[in-house]
């Protein structure tokens, strides 16, 4: 590696040009790199959703879910199949191995379900596969101060959507919550009865009125001609005047009304009817630049449509990206400043400090350029990686400049002296940098987080290699030019440290036993420490209001609007958006809600007391006894998940319910458990109409009852020149079992009550049926304190393991705790791989097995500091903490490498004890400087916001600061002690020879 230094000293002009280019390309890359919140990542799951309005959960399971599960049996890479069959819909989640090509998997699932022949009344299967690119970065409300109408919806579709679609970099724009104009024909049962017109006959009459049918091809006037029969109804009035029977028009027996689809779902913003525009960006586009254009377009739309349509931003992730990226860049700059202060404090020489600190902007410039060439975006994780590495960027330069300073105490800054000084440490800094890189690169192998961790690892790798090149090329060149003039401070040996080290070498058992006891204590503390979930939250609030399925939608709608009014009246609220009901458009995002679910997104004013607002919402729960209301901080990461799930799996429904009740009773009383729910808790009355097969055909009766109880589409008519759906509402809404029995059905051309051909059996059944890999199960959701996630999970496992369960019933734990355990296990495996790579690189450097083995003793020393740091700061162990522990493997060995490299050089001319003391004295200052520079550069992360990203968290900073602090102090003592112990015979022989020489 010294070749780089010699080349730089021979080619000063080329190096200066390279410095300018690095800074220029880095600045250009920063402003041109696409800015995102997170790197693109696929969710290893494909979801199939089928809608079936009015269909109960059991029927959905039998007629839809099971056929889908069977059809997808041959999908490659399939791990598990989870299905939810609920009232009105089925959702099947196919969990896949992360290594599978998700596009191919989705295509396989699409092909498998496309051939299914589902019964009439169900939607076509909707197949979706989510990834981070599919998150709409801008959600824009289009509200209607004068109420929504058909003309406004057409303006949105034909004028406003194309306007946003035309923005450069926008990939897609979709309208969420759009209302469809429809005509409802509501029958009057009394008038139908007086005219003796059965509903079944009316359906047949109306369905045939509005048709366009090709009836054949004939030769007319010597030319082939197509024949078509057309029956076209124009407008509401013509529909009302259709003759149903002699002297009976449709308007005589029914009311004809024009309405929209808000009876099943609606969207509101600040109390006004609204729809939402979901704006998606192209994969490589710059989210921040597009965000500015989106805001400009909104202003123009408000100007053009100010009387009828008003746009406002519900959520702008581009603004969040700017805030997060700026926060991270602030941490980078503060880290660089703190590192500079530390270096100046030790060197007490301005020019030496400038030479050292130049490695930060140069390394960052090269890193940004390499990121742009690698197709990696600028996001919270990549900038977070720079923030993590910024303290480490000056380490190599510190070692080089400090050695040049020591060698040139007499003022000799000749080319020969600078090359020799750099050569002395070149091997050590190269080895230490490569060991750190060896730790970070395998991060991309963590399967569950591969697409997230790989850009993070590559960014740190680019930064560290850049800093090594700067230390070997730029620092020696600048030293030769800038340090010739002026007086250097005198070099002083650390006498106190040398005395301590000498005593420890003479009394090895004392530091070794003490370190061992502290290490054992730290390991013990780790296993009893709580492992928590990160909780990334910003100031906005998300509220869900869920009602049981048996509560009428009209009541749900009224109470949701009441809560909306209360929220709007709160002083700290800037904007409130409401999404109520089951919107079919949700299926494209792999989700579907119960119709009785209301979602509120509340944007708080700057400086508002969000906690106080949430307490006020908590008090409102008493007013809505039927509803389950949850208020939480809105989280862009979705990382605040702290729900443990227990699946009670078996074949018999009754046994599953009994077992789930036992589990719920056991876990409810555990400290830290906030709420326990089960999908079996919500029961709904189900009436089974059992047909007497000798009296009637089951399929015919079922079809009639379905048409009588649900609005039935009978075709379209022209309304204001537009095709409009017509729904026939029989107005048969039984409110009791007696009314249900009296429903009239046609059997063998006779009208008779339902009770004459069937038995009505009432039962209570769950509103959802869950299946896992073909077996039914009950899911118990346990919401826990996120800071005690692992602790509570362990207690739950202990209590549930002692339960006596029915034969054939088993418990399977999943959710946040299970996912965390899987990630922790992968990271532990990665740590083992990293340690192996670090050891291999050190063996190649030192060309021996023993010296690298001594260096690995720094790792247990780092564990001591990491655990102490977490204990003192009361920070739970999360994924960020584990990433910090992984980083420590590469960081803490660097000091030991620098120390033992000097020892190995000294051993050529000195005894081991003398070599250790001299190396300790020589490397004491650079070791302390590099450690403190890294520690102080981490402080901004320690104080930063959690919204920066769950990986680059406070836990990561605590682990690195604590681990590096303790490891550095102990490395200066323990590593020399262990090294002499590993060479005990040779050292003893040298001491005896020295004593004999002295005695003679």
Foldseek 3Di string as FASTA:
>chain_A
DLVQAVVLQVCVVVVVVLLVVLLVLLVVLVVPFAFDAFAKDWQQKKKKKKFFAQAFQVCCCVQPVVLLLVLCVPQPQFDWWKWKRFHGMIMIMTGGFLVDDNVVSQVSSCVSQQPDDGDPRMDRIDMATDIPLPAQQFKKKKFFPVADDPVVLCCCVPPVLVLLVPQPFWDHKDKAFDKAKFKEWEFDVVLCVVVVPDPVLQLVVLLPQADKAWDAWDQDPNRIDTDIDGRFQAADVSQQQPDSDVVDGSVRGTDMDIDIDPLFWFKDKLRTGIIIMRIGGDNRHRLLVSLVVVVVSQVVVCVVQVNTIHMDTQHRNSVVFVVLLVLLVVLLVQLLVLLLVLLCVQQVDVLLSCLLSSQQSSLSSQLSSVCVVVSHGHHLLLSLLSLLCSLVLSLLLLQLSLQLCQQCLVLDLDSVSSSVSCVLCLLLLVLLLVLLLLLLCCQCVLSVCNSRRNSNSSSNNSSSVSSSSSSSNVSSNSCSPPVNDDHGDHDDFPVVLLVVQLVCLVVVVVLVVVLVVLLVVLVVLQVVFFFFFFDAFDLKKKKKKAFFLVDNLVVLVVVVVVVSVVLSPDPFFDMKMKIARWTPVCVNVSDTDHNSMMMMITDTDPPDDSVVSVVVVVVCCVVPVRIDMDMDGDAPVPRNWQKKKKKKWFADPVLQVVLVVVLCVQLVPDPFFDDKDKLFVRKDKDKDWAFDVVFADPVQQVVVVVCQADFAWSAWHQHVNDTHTYTYHHPQDDPDPVSQQQDWDAGPNDTGGSVVGTDIDMDIGGSMWMDMNHTTIMMMITHGDRSRRQVSVVVSCVRSVPDDGPPRIDMDMDTDNNVQVSSLVSLVVSLVSSLVVSQVSVCVSVVDNPLSVLLQVLLSQLSSQLSVLCVVVVGHNYLLLSVLSSSCSSPLSSLSSQLVSQLVVCVVPDANVVSNSVSLRSSVSSLVSSLSSSLSSLVSQLVGRCSSDVNSHNSSSSSNNRSSVRSSVVSSRNSSSVSCVSVVVRNVVVVVVVVVVVVD
